């Protein structure tokens, strides 16, 4: 997606991260409509960031105004279906996007925000919500270390993102009047 700029007094034109902002808006709407986690929760934030990153990286050359028309449910479901595949895809796509940005000699704010989102998803660990019966208690200290209940935020986030896309009905308006 392409960034836009706004004229500022003094002739400078700061770039506005419109591609990221539109991707984030769409991801937020899909997460809200999916009603998977409480908005404002850390888990919701992980899902929203992972979905925003997916939307942003899957449509690198789309004009911002075309993002909503470019709804690609099947592609997004495929991308988010397997967490490890998504991680490999996201890291490679983000690196290509950043390399292109460096080669053009510009500091695209969309790329900067995407890198920050990926850093948070990669470096943050979350305790996943219990979705079934409580697991048995851990045995020894060694078992505890080996079977830590904490998972990377990207792993939980992409699972929630997948469910949000899967449960979205394309006939549902994203914005209500």
N, C-alpha and C. Protein backbone atom coordinates (compact mmCIF):
# COMPACT_ATOMS: atom_id res chain seq x y z
N UNK A 1 0.84 -1.17 0.00
CA UNK A 1 0.00 0.00 0.00
C UNK A 1 0.88 1.23 0.00
N UNK A 2 0.38 2.28 -0.54
CA UNK A 2 1.16 3.50 -0.67
C UNK A 2 0.78 4.49 0.42
N UNK A 3 1.77 5.22 0.94
CA UNK A 3 1.52 6.25 1.95
C UNK A 3 1.09 7.53 1.26
N UNK A 4 0.49 8.39 2.04
CA UNK A 4 0.11 9.70 1.54
C UNK A 4 0.83 10.74 2.36
N UNK A 5 0.87 11.98 1.87
CA UNK A 5 1.50 13.05 2.64
C UNK A 5 0.55 14.23 2.72
N UNK A 6 0.82 15.08 3.67
CA UNK A 6 0.00 16.26 3.94
C UNK A 6 0.92 17.46 3.90
N UNK A 7 0.47 18.53 3.23
CA UNK A 7 1.28 19.75 3.21
C UNK A 7 1.29 20.38 4.58
N UNK A 8 2.47 20.77 5.01
CA UNK A 8 2.65 21.47 6.28
C UNK A 8 3.16 22.87 5.97
N UNK A 9 2.89 23.84 6.85
CA UNK A 9 3.49 25.15 6.65
C UNK A 9 5.00 25.02 6.60
N UNK A 10 5.63 25.77 5.75
CA UNK A 10 7.08 25.71 5.63
C UNK A 10 7.53 24.78 4.52
N UNK A 11 6.59 24.19 3.76
CA UNK A 11 6.96 23.39 2.61
C UNK A 11 7.30 21.94 2.90
N UNK A 12 7.35 21.53 4.14
CA UNK A 12 7.65 20.12 4.44
C UNK A 12 6.37 19.30 4.29
N UNK A 13 6.52 18.10 3.83
CA UNK A 13 5.37 17.21 3.67
C UNK A 13 5.61 15.92 4.44
N UNK A 14 5.13 15.84 5.68
CA UNK A 14 5.35 14.59 6.42
C UNK A 14 4.47 13.48 5.84
N UNK A 15 5.03 12.32 5.77
CA UNK A 15 4.26 11.18 5.28
C UNK A 15 3.29 10.72 6.36
N UNK A 16 2.09 10.43 5.95
CA UNK A 16 1.06 9.95 6.87
C UNK A 16 0.89 8.45 6.61
N UNK A 17 0.94 7.63 7.65
CA UNK A 17 0.85 6.17 7.45
C UNK A 17 -0.57 5.71 7.13
N UNK A 18 -1.09 6.17 6.01
CA UNK A 18 -2.47 5.86 5.64
C UNK A 18 -2.70 4.38 5.39
N UNK A 19 -1.74 3.71 4.77
CA UNK A 19 -1.90 2.29 4.50
C UNK A 19 -2.03 1.50 5.80
N UNK A 20 -1.17 1.82 6.76
CA UNK A 20 -1.25 1.13 8.05
C UNK A 20 -2.55 1.49 8.77
N UNK A 21 -2.90 2.76 8.74
CA UNK A 21 -4.11 3.20 9.44
C UNK A 21 -5.36 2.53 8.86
N UNK A 22 -5.44 2.42 7.54
CA UNK A 22 -6.59 1.77 6.92
C UNK A 22 -6.60 0.27 7.21
N UNK A 23 -5.43 -0.35 7.17
CA UNK A 23 -5.33 -1.77 7.51
C UNK A 23 -5.74 -2.00 8.96
N UNK A 24 -5.31 -1.10 9.84
CA UNK A 24 -5.64 -1.21 11.26
C UNK A 24 -7.14 -1.02 11.49
N UNK A 25 -7.73 -0.07 10.77
CA UNK A 25 -9.17 0.15 10.90
C UNK A 25 -9.94 -1.10 10.50
N UNK A 26 -9.57 -1.67 9.35
CA UNK A 26 -10.25 -2.86 8.87
C UNK A 26 -10.04 -4.04 9.83
N UNK A 27 -8.82 -4.20 10.33
CA UNK A 27 -8.54 -5.28 11.29
C UNK A 27 -9.35 -5.09 12.56
N UNK A 28 -9.43 -3.86 13.04
CA UNK A 28 -10.19 -3.58 14.25
C UNK A 28 -11.67 -3.92 14.05
N UNK A 29 -12.22 -3.54 12.90
CA UNK A 29 -13.63 -3.84 12.63
C UNK A 29 -13.86 -5.36 12.57
N UNK A 30 -12.96 -6.07 11.91
CA UNK A 30 -13.11 -7.52 11.82
C UNK A 30 -13.01 -8.17 13.21
N UNK A 31 -12.08 -7.68 14.02
CA UNK A 31 -11.93 -8.22 15.38
C UNK A 31 -13.17 -7.91 16.23
N UNK A 32 -13.67 -6.68 16.12
CA UNK A 32 -14.86 -6.31 16.89
C UNK A 32 -16.07 -7.14 16.48
N UNK A 33 -16.27 -7.27 15.18
CA UNK A 33 -17.41 -8.04 14.69
C UNK A 33 -17.29 -9.52 15.01
N UNK A 34 -16.05 -10.01 15.11
CA UNK A 34 -15.83 -11.41 15.48
C UNK A 34 -16.14 -11.69 16.94
N UNK A 35 -16.08 -10.64 17.77
CA UNK A 35 -16.42 -10.74 19.19
C UNK A 35 -15.68 -11.89 19.88
N UNK A 36 -14.35 -11.96 19.63
CA UNK A 36 -13.55 -13.06 20.16
C UNK A 36 -12.93 -12.75 21.52
N UNK A 37 -12.53 -11.52 21.72
CA UNK A 37 -11.89 -11.09 22.97
C UNK A 37 -12.41 -9.70 23.30
N UNK A 38 -12.28 -9.34 24.55
CA UNK A 38 -12.73 -8.00 24.97
C UNK A 38 -11.83 -6.94 24.34
N UNK A 39 -12.42 -5.95 23.66
CA UNK A 39 -11.61 -4.86 23.13
C UNK A 39 -10.82 -4.21 24.26
N UNK A 40 -9.59 -3.90 23.99
CA UNK A 40 -8.74 -3.30 25.01
C UNK A 40 -7.90 -4.33 25.75
N UNK A 41 -8.23 -5.62 25.62
CA UNK A 41 -7.43 -6.64 26.28
C UNK A 41 -6.13 -6.85 25.50
N UNK A 42 -5.14 -7.38 26.17
CA UNK A 42 -3.86 -7.65 25.52
C UNK A 42 -4.04 -8.67 24.41
N UNK A 43 -4.89 -9.65 24.63
CA UNK A 43 -5.14 -10.68 23.63
C UNK A 43 -5.79 -10.07 22.37
N UNK A 44 -6.74 -9.17 22.60
CA UNK A 44 -7.38 -8.46 21.48
C UNK A 44 -6.31 -7.68 20.71
N UNK A 45 -5.43 -7.01 21.44
CA UNK A 45 -4.35 -6.24 20.81
C UNK A 45 -3.45 -7.12 19.97
N UNK A 46 -3.16 -8.33 20.44
CA UNK A 46 -2.33 -9.25 19.67
C UNK A 46 -3.04 -9.66 18.38
N UNK A 47 -4.32 -9.96 18.48
CA UNK A 47 -5.09 -10.33 17.29
C UNK A 47 -5.18 -9.18 16.31
N UNK A 48 -5.42 -8.00 16.82
CA UNK A 48 -5.54 -6.82 15.96
C UNK A 48 -4.21 -6.52 15.27
N UNK A 49 -3.11 -6.56 16.01
CA UNK A 49 -1.80 -6.30 15.39
C UNK A 49 -1.47 -7.35 14.33
N UNK A 50 -1.71 -8.63 14.65
CA UNK A 50 -1.41 -9.69 13.69
C UNK A 50 -2.27 -9.55 12.43
N UNK A 51 -3.54 -9.22 12.61
CA UNK A 51 -4.42 -9.06 11.45
C UNK A 51 -4.05 -7.81 10.66
N UNK A 52 -3.73 -6.72 11.35
CA UNK A 52 -3.31 -5.50 10.65
C UNK A 52 -2.06 -5.77 9.83
N UNK A 53 -1.10 -6.46 10.43
CA UNK A 53 0.14 -6.78 9.72
C UNK A 53 -0.16 -7.65 8.50
N UNK A 54 -1.06 -8.60 8.65
CA UNK A 54 -1.44 -9.46 7.53
C UNK A 54 -2.07 -8.65 6.40
N UNK A 55 -3.00 -7.78 6.74
CA UNK A 55 -3.68 -6.97 5.72
C UNK A 55 -2.68 -6.04 5.04
N UNK A 56 -1.85 -5.38 5.83
CA UNK A 56 -0.87 -4.44 5.28
C UNK A 56 0.13 -5.15 4.36
N UNK A 57 0.68 -6.27 4.81
CA UNK A 57 1.71 -6.96 4.03
C UNK A 57 1.15 -7.72 2.83
N UNK A 58 -0.13 -8.08 2.87
CA UNK A 58 -0.70 -8.85 1.75
C UNK A 58 -1.13 -7.97 0.59
N UNK A 59 -1.18 -6.67 0.80
CA UNK A 59 -1.63 -5.74 -0.25
C UNK A 59 -0.62 -4.60 -0.40
N UNK A 60 0.65 -4.89 -0.69
CA UNK A 60 1.66 -3.83 -0.65
C UNK A 60 1.50 -2.73 -1.69
N UNK A 61 0.88 -3.02 -2.81
CA UNK A 61 0.80 -2.02 -3.88
C UNK A 61 -0.60 -1.48 -4.10
N UNK A 62 -1.49 -1.74 -3.16
CA UNK A 62 -2.87 -1.25 -3.29
C UNK A 62 -2.95 0.17 -2.77
N UNK A 63 -3.66 1.00 -3.50
CA UNK A 63 -3.92 2.35 -3.02
C UNK A 63 -4.82 2.26 -1.79
N UNK A 64 -4.62 3.16 -0.86
CA UNK A 64 -5.38 3.15 0.39
C UNK A 64 -6.88 3.13 0.12
N UNK A 65 -7.33 3.91 -0.84
CA UNK A 65 -8.77 4.01 -1.11
C UNK A 65 -9.35 2.69 -1.62
N UNK A 66 -8.50 1.79 -2.11
CA UNK A 66 -8.98 0.51 -2.65
C UNK A 66 -8.94 -0.63 -1.63
N UNK A 67 -8.46 -0.37 -0.42
CA UNK A 67 -8.29 -1.45 0.55
C UNK A 67 -9.59 -2.18 0.83
N UNK A 68 -10.67 -1.44 1.04
CA UNK A 68 -11.93 -2.08 1.40
C UNK A 68 -12.50 -2.88 0.23
N UNK A 69 -12.25 -2.42 -0.98
CA UNK A 69 -12.71 -3.16 -2.16
C UNK A 69 -11.85 -4.40 -2.39
N UNK A 70 -10.68 -4.42 -1.78
CA UNK A 70 -9.74 -5.53 -1.99
C UNK A 70 -9.92 -6.64 -0.97
N UNK A 71 -11.08 -6.70 -0.33
CA UNK A 71 -11.33 -7.73 0.68
C UNK A 71 -11.04 -9.10 0.07
N UNK A 72 -10.07 -9.79 0.62
CA UNK A 72 -9.60 -11.05 0.06
C UNK A 72 -9.72 -12.16 1.11
N UNK A 73 -10.93 -12.49 1.47
CA UNK A 73 -11.18 -13.44 2.56
C UNK A 73 -10.41 -14.74 2.41
N UNK A 74 -10.49 -15.38 1.26
CA UNK A 74 -9.84 -16.68 1.08
C UNK A 74 -8.32 -16.56 1.22
N UNK A 75 -7.76 -15.52 0.65
CA UNK A 75 -6.31 -15.33 0.77
C UNK A 75 -5.91 -15.12 2.22
N UNK A 76 -6.65 -14.27 2.94
CA UNK A 76 -6.32 -13.99 4.34
C UNK A 76 -6.53 -15.23 5.21
N UNK A 77 -7.53 -16.04 4.90
CA UNK A 77 -7.72 -17.29 5.64
C UNK A 77 -6.55 -18.23 5.41
N UNK A 78 -6.08 -18.31 4.17
CA UNK A 78 -4.94 -19.16 3.86
C UNK A 78 -3.68 -18.67 4.57
N UNK A 79 -3.45 -17.36 4.54
CA UNK A 79 -2.26 -16.80 5.18
C UNK A 79 -2.26 -17.02 6.69
N UNK A 80 -3.42 -16.96 7.31
CA UNK A 80 -3.49 -17.04 8.77
C UNK A 80 -3.78 -18.44 9.30
N UNK A 81 -3.92 -19.42 8.41
CA UNK A 81 -4.34 -20.76 8.83
C UNK A 81 -3.30 -21.49 9.68
N UNK A 82 -2.04 -21.29 9.41
CA UNK A 82 -0.97 -22.00 10.12
C UNK A 82 0.02 -20.99 10.67
N UNK A 83 0.12 -20.94 11.98
CA UNK A 83 0.90 -19.89 12.64
C UNK A 83 2.36 -19.87 12.18
N UNK A 84 3.02 -21.03 12.13
CA UNK A 84 4.43 -21.03 11.75
C UNK A 84 4.63 -20.56 10.31
N UNK A 85 3.75 -20.99 9.41
CA UNK A 85 3.83 -20.51 8.03
C UNK A 85 3.60 -19.01 7.97
N UNK A 86 2.65 -18.50 8.76
CA UNK A 86 2.39 -17.06 8.78
C UNK A 86 3.61 -16.31 9.26
N UNK A 87 4.25 -16.80 10.31
CA UNK A 87 5.43 -16.11 10.84
C UNK A 87 6.52 -16.02 9.76
N UNK A 88 6.79 -17.11 9.09
CA UNK A 88 7.81 -17.12 8.03
C UNK A 88 7.42 -16.13 6.93
N UNK A 89 6.16 -16.18 6.51
CA UNK A 89 5.67 -15.28 5.46
C UNK A 89 5.78 -13.82 5.91
N UNK A 90 5.32 -13.52 7.12
CA UNK A 90 5.31 -12.14 7.61
C UNK A 90 6.73 -11.59 7.74
N UNK A 91 7.65 -12.37 8.29
CA UNK A 91 9.04 -11.91 8.42
C UNK A 91 9.66 -11.63 7.06
N UNK A 92 9.46 -12.54 6.10
CA UNK A 92 10.03 -12.36 4.76
C UNK A 92 9.41 -11.16 4.06
N UNK A 93 8.09 -11.03 4.13
CA UNK A 93 7.41 -9.92 3.47
C UNK A 93 7.80 -8.59 4.09
N UNK A 94 7.90 -8.56 5.41
CA UNK A 94 8.28 -7.33 6.09
C UNK A 94 9.71 -6.94 5.73
N UNK A 95 10.60 -7.91 5.64
CA UNK A 95 11.99 -7.61 5.26
C UNK A 95 12.06 -7.09 3.82
N UNK A 96 11.29 -7.71 2.91
CA UNK A 96 11.27 -7.22 1.52
C UNK A 96 10.72 -5.79 1.45
N UNK A 97 9.67 -5.53 2.20
CA UNK A 97 9.06 -4.20 2.22
C UNK A 97 10.05 -3.17 2.77
N UNK A 98 10.74 -3.52 3.85
CA UNK A 98 11.73 -2.61 4.44
C UNK A 98 12.92 -2.41 3.50
N UNK A 99 13.35 -3.47 2.81
CA UNK A 99 14.47 -3.35 1.87
C UNK A 99 14.10 -2.44 0.70
N UNK A 100 12.88 -2.58 0.22
CA UNK A 100 12.41 -1.71 -0.87
C UNK A 100 12.38 -0.26 -0.41
N UNK A 101 11.93 -0.05 0.82
CA UNK A 101 11.89 1.30 1.39
C UNK A 101 13.30 1.89 1.49
N UNK A 102 14.25 1.07 1.96
CA UNK A 102 15.65 1.54 2.06
C UNK A 102 16.22 1.84 0.67
N UNK A 103 15.94 0.99 -0.30
CA UNK A 103 16.46 1.18 -1.65
C UNK A 103 15.93 2.46 -2.28
N UNK A 104 14.71 2.82 -1.93
CA UNK A 104 14.13 4.06 -2.45
C UNK A 104 14.59 5.28 -1.66
N UNK A 105 15.31 5.03 -0.57
CA UNK A 105 15.85 6.13 0.23
C UNK A 105 14.81 6.95 0.95
N UNK A 106 13.75 6.31 1.36
CA UNK A 106 12.71 7.05 2.07
C UNK A 106 12.42 6.37 3.40
N UNK A 107 11.85 7.12 4.28
CA UNK A 107 11.47 6.58 5.58
C UNK A 107 9.97 6.45 5.65
N UNK A 108 9.44 5.41 5.05
CA UNK A 108 7.99 5.20 5.00
C UNK A 108 7.45 4.92 6.40
N UNK A 109 6.54 5.77 6.90
CA UNK A 109 6.02 5.54 8.25
C UNK A 109 5.21 4.26 8.37
N UNK A 110 4.61 3.79 7.28
CA UNK A 110 3.88 2.52 7.32
C UNK A 110 4.83 1.38 7.67
N UNK A 111 5.99 1.38 7.03
CA UNK A 111 6.99 0.33 7.28
C UNK A 111 7.48 0.41 8.72
N UNK A 112 7.71 1.62 9.21
CA UNK A 112 8.19 1.78 10.59
C UNK A 112 7.16 1.24 11.58
N UNK A 113 5.89 1.55 11.37
CA UNK A 113 4.85 1.06 12.28
C UNK A 113 4.71 -0.46 12.16
N UNK A 114 4.80 -0.99 10.95
CA UNK A 114 4.71 -2.44 10.76
C UNK A 114 5.85 -3.15 11.50
N UNK A 115 7.05 -2.59 11.42
CA UNK A 115 8.19 -3.19 12.12
C UNK A 115 8.00 -3.14 13.63
N UNK A 116 7.44 -2.03 14.12
CA UNK A 116 7.17 -1.91 15.55
C UNK A 116 6.12 -2.94 15.99
N UNK A 117 5.08 -3.10 15.19
CA UNK A 117 4.03 -4.08 15.51
C UNK A 117 4.62 -5.49 15.53
N UNK A 118 5.46 -5.80 14.54
CA UNK A 118 6.07 -7.13 14.50
C UNK A 118 6.98 -7.34 15.72
N UNK A 119 7.74 -6.32 16.09
CA UNK A 119 8.61 -6.44 17.27
C UNK A 119 7.79 -6.76 18.51
N UNK A 120 6.66 -6.07 18.68
CA UNK A 120 5.80 -6.34 19.84
C UNK A 120 5.26 -7.76 19.80
N UNK A 121 4.77 -8.18 18.64
CA UNK A 121 4.23 -9.53 18.50
C UNK A 121 5.29 -10.60 18.76
N UNK A 122 6.50 -10.35 18.28
CA UNK A 122 7.59 -11.32 18.42
C UNK A 122 8.14 -11.37 19.84
N UNK A 123 8.26 -10.22 20.49
CA UNK A 123 8.94 -10.14 21.79
C UNK A 123 8.02 -10.28 23.00
N UNK A 124 6.72 -10.24 22.80
CA UNK A 124 5.77 -10.33 23.91
C UNK A 124 5.26 -11.76 24.03
N UNK A 125 5.16 -12.22 25.26
CA UNK A 125 4.58 -13.54 25.52
C UNK A 125 3.29 -13.37 26.30
N UNK A 126 2.31 -14.18 25.96
CA UNK A 126 1.00 -14.10 26.61
C UNK A 126 0.60 -15.46 27.16
N UNK A 127 -0.21 -15.41 28.18
CA UNK A 127 -0.81 -16.62 28.71
C UNK A 127 -2.12 -16.81 27.96
N UNK A 128 -2.22 -17.85 27.14
CA UNK A 128 -3.43 -17.99 26.33
C UNK A 128 -4.65 -18.23 27.20
N UNK A 129 -5.80 -17.77 26.74
CA UNK A 129 -7.03 -18.00 27.50
C UNK A 129 -7.36 -19.49 27.52
N UNK A 130 -7.93 -19.93 28.61
CA UNK A 130 -8.36 -21.33 28.71
C UNK A 130 -9.65 -21.51 27.92
N UNK A 131 -9.62 -22.42 26.99
CA UNK A 131 -10.79 -22.65 26.16
C UNK A 131 -11.45 -23.99 26.45
N UNK A 132 -10.91 -24.71 27.41
CA UNK A 132 -11.46 -26.01 27.77
C UNK A 132 -11.23 -26.27 29.24
N UNK A 133 -11.25 -27.53 29.64
CA UNK A 133 -11.01 -27.84 31.05
C UNK A 133 -9.59 -27.45 31.45
N UNK A 134 -9.42 -27.16 32.72
CA UNK A 134 -8.12 -26.74 33.22
C UNK A 134 -7.13 -27.90 33.09
N UNK A 135 -5.91 -27.61 32.60
CA UNK A 135 -4.92 -28.68 32.43
C UNK A 135 -4.43 -29.18 33.79
N UNK A 136 -3.88 -30.40 33.83
CA UNK A 136 -3.36 -30.91 35.09
C UNK A 136 -2.17 -30.07 35.55
N UNK A 137 -1.91 -30.04 36.86
CA UNK A 137 -0.78 -29.25 37.35
C UNK A 137 0.54 -29.82 36.83
N UNK A 138 1.53 -28.94 36.74
CA UNK A 138 2.86 -29.36 36.30
C UNK A 138 3.49 -30.27 37.33
N UNK A 139 4.38 -31.12 36.89
CA UNK A 139 5.11 -32.00 37.79
C UNK A 139 6.35 -31.31 38.33
N UNK A 140 7.50 -31.73 37.88
CA UNK A 140 8.77 -31.20 38.38
C UNK A 140 9.05 -29.82 37.81
N UNK A 141 10.08 -29.16 38.38
CA UNK A 141 10.51 -27.86 37.86
C UNK A 141 10.95 -27.99 36.41
N UNK A 142 11.58 -29.10 36.08
CA UNK A 142 12.03 -29.31 34.70
C UNK A 142 10.82 -29.38 33.76
N UNK A 143 9.77 -30.06 34.18
CA UNK A 143 8.55 -30.12 33.37
C UNK A 143 7.96 -28.73 33.18
N UNK A 144 7.99 -27.94 34.24
CA UNK A 144 7.45 -26.58 34.16
C UNK A 144 8.19 -25.76 33.11
N UNK A 145 9.51 -25.85 33.12
CA UNK A 145 10.30 -25.08 32.15
C UNK A 145 10.06 -25.57 30.73
N UNK A 146 9.93 -26.87 30.57
CA UNK A 146 9.75 -27.44 29.24
C UNK A 146 8.35 -27.16 28.70
N UNK A 147 7.36 -27.13 29.57
CA UNK A 147 5.97 -26.95 29.14
C UNK A 147 5.42 -25.63 29.64
N UNK A 148 6.12 -24.57 29.37
CA UNK A 148 5.66 -23.25 29.80
C UNK A 148 4.33 -22.92 29.15
N UNK A 149 3.39 -22.39 29.92
CA UNK A 149 2.10 -22.04 29.33
C UNK A 149 2.15 -20.76 28.49
N UNK A 150 3.23 -20.01 28.56
CA UNK A 150 3.33 -18.75 27.83
C UNK A 150 3.63 -19.01 26.37
N UNK A 151 2.98 -18.25 25.50
CA UNK A 151 3.21 -18.37 24.06
C UNK A 151 3.51 -16.99 23.49
N UNK A 152 4.20 -16.95 22.34
CA UNK A 152 4.46 -15.65 21.71
C UNK A 152 3.15 -14.98 21.32
N UNK A 153 3.11 -13.68 21.44
CA UNK A 153 1.90 -12.92 21.11
C UNK A 153 1.48 -13.13 19.65
N UNK A 154 2.45 -13.28 18.75
CA UNK A 154 2.10 -13.48 17.35
C UNK A 154 1.31 -14.78 17.17
N UNK A 155 1.63 -15.80 17.96
CA UNK A 155 0.96 -17.10 17.81
C UNK A 155 -0.51 -17.01 18.21
N UNK A 156 -0.76 -16.41 19.36
CA UNK A 156 -2.15 -16.21 19.78
C UNK A 156 -2.84 -15.23 18.84
N UNK A 157 -2.13 -14.15 18.49
CA UNK A 157 -2.70 -13.12 17.64
C UNK A 157 -3.15 -13.63 16.29
N UNK A 158 -2.32 -14.46 15.66
CA UNK A 158 -2.69 -14.93 14.33
C UNK A 158 -3.85 -15.93 14.40
N UNK A 159 -3.94 -16.67 15.50
CA UNK A 159 -5.08 -17.57 15.68
C UNK A 159 -6.38 -16.77 15.80
N UNK A 160 -6.34 -15.69 16.58
CA UNK A 160 -7.52 -14.83 16.72
C UNK A 160 -7.83 -14.12 15.40
N UNK A 161 -6.79 -13.69 14.69
CA UNK A 161 -6.99 -13.03 13.39
C UNK A 161 -7.69 -13.99 12.42
N UNK A 162 -7.24 -15.23 12.41
CA UNK A 162 -7.85 -16.23 11.52
C UNK A 162 -9.33 -16.41 11.84
N UNK A 163 -9.63 -16.53 13.12
CA UNK A 163 -11.03 -16.69 13.53
C UNK A 163 -11.87 -15.47 13.17
N UNK A 164 -11.30 -14.28 13.32
CA UNK A 164 -12.04 -13.05 12.99
C UNK A 164 -12.38 -13.01 11.50
N UNK A 165 -11.43 -13.37 10.65
CA UNK A 165 -11.69 -13.39 9.20
C UNK A 165 -12.69 -14.50 8.87
N UNK A 166 -12.51 -15.65 9.50
CA UNK A 166 -13.39 -16.79 9.23
C UNK A 166 -14.84 -16.50 9.61
N UNK A 167 -15.05 -15.80 10.71
CA UNK A 167 -16.41 -15.53 11.19
C UNK A 167 -17.06 -14.31 10.56
N UNK A 168 -16.30 -13.54 9.80
CA UNK A 168 -16.86 -12.32 9.21
C UNK A 168 -17.77 -12.66 8.04
N UNK A 169 -18.95 -12.09 8.06
CA UNK A 169 -19.91 -12.24 6.96
C UNK A 169 -19.72 -11.04 6.03
N UNK A 170 -19.27 -11.26 4.80
CA UNK A 170 -19.02 -10.14 3.88
C UNK A 170 -20.23 -9.25 3.63
N UNK A 171 -21.43 -9.75 3.93
CA UNK A 171 -22.63 -8.93 3.76
C UNK A 171 -22.86 -7.99 4.94
N UNK A 172 -22.09 -8.14 6.00
CA UNK A 172 -22.21 -7.27 7.17
C UNK A 172 -21.46 -5.97 6.89
N UNK A 173 -22.11 -4.84 7.08
CA UNK A 173 -21.39 -3.57 6.86
C UNK A 173 -20.30 -3.39 7.92
N UNK A 174 -19.13 -2.92 7.48
CA UNK A 174 -18.03 -2.69 8.42
C UNK A 174 -18.27 -1.46 9.27
N UNK A 175 -19.01 -0.51 8.72
CA UNK A 175 -19.31 0.72 9.45
C UNK A 175 -20.81 0.90 9.43
N UNK A 176 -21.37 1.17 10.57
CA UNK A 176 -22.83 1.39 10.65
C UNK A 176 -23.10 2.88 10.60
N UNK A 177 -24.21 3.23 9.95
CA UNK A 177 -24.59 4.65 9.85
C UNK A 177 -25.08 5.18 11.17
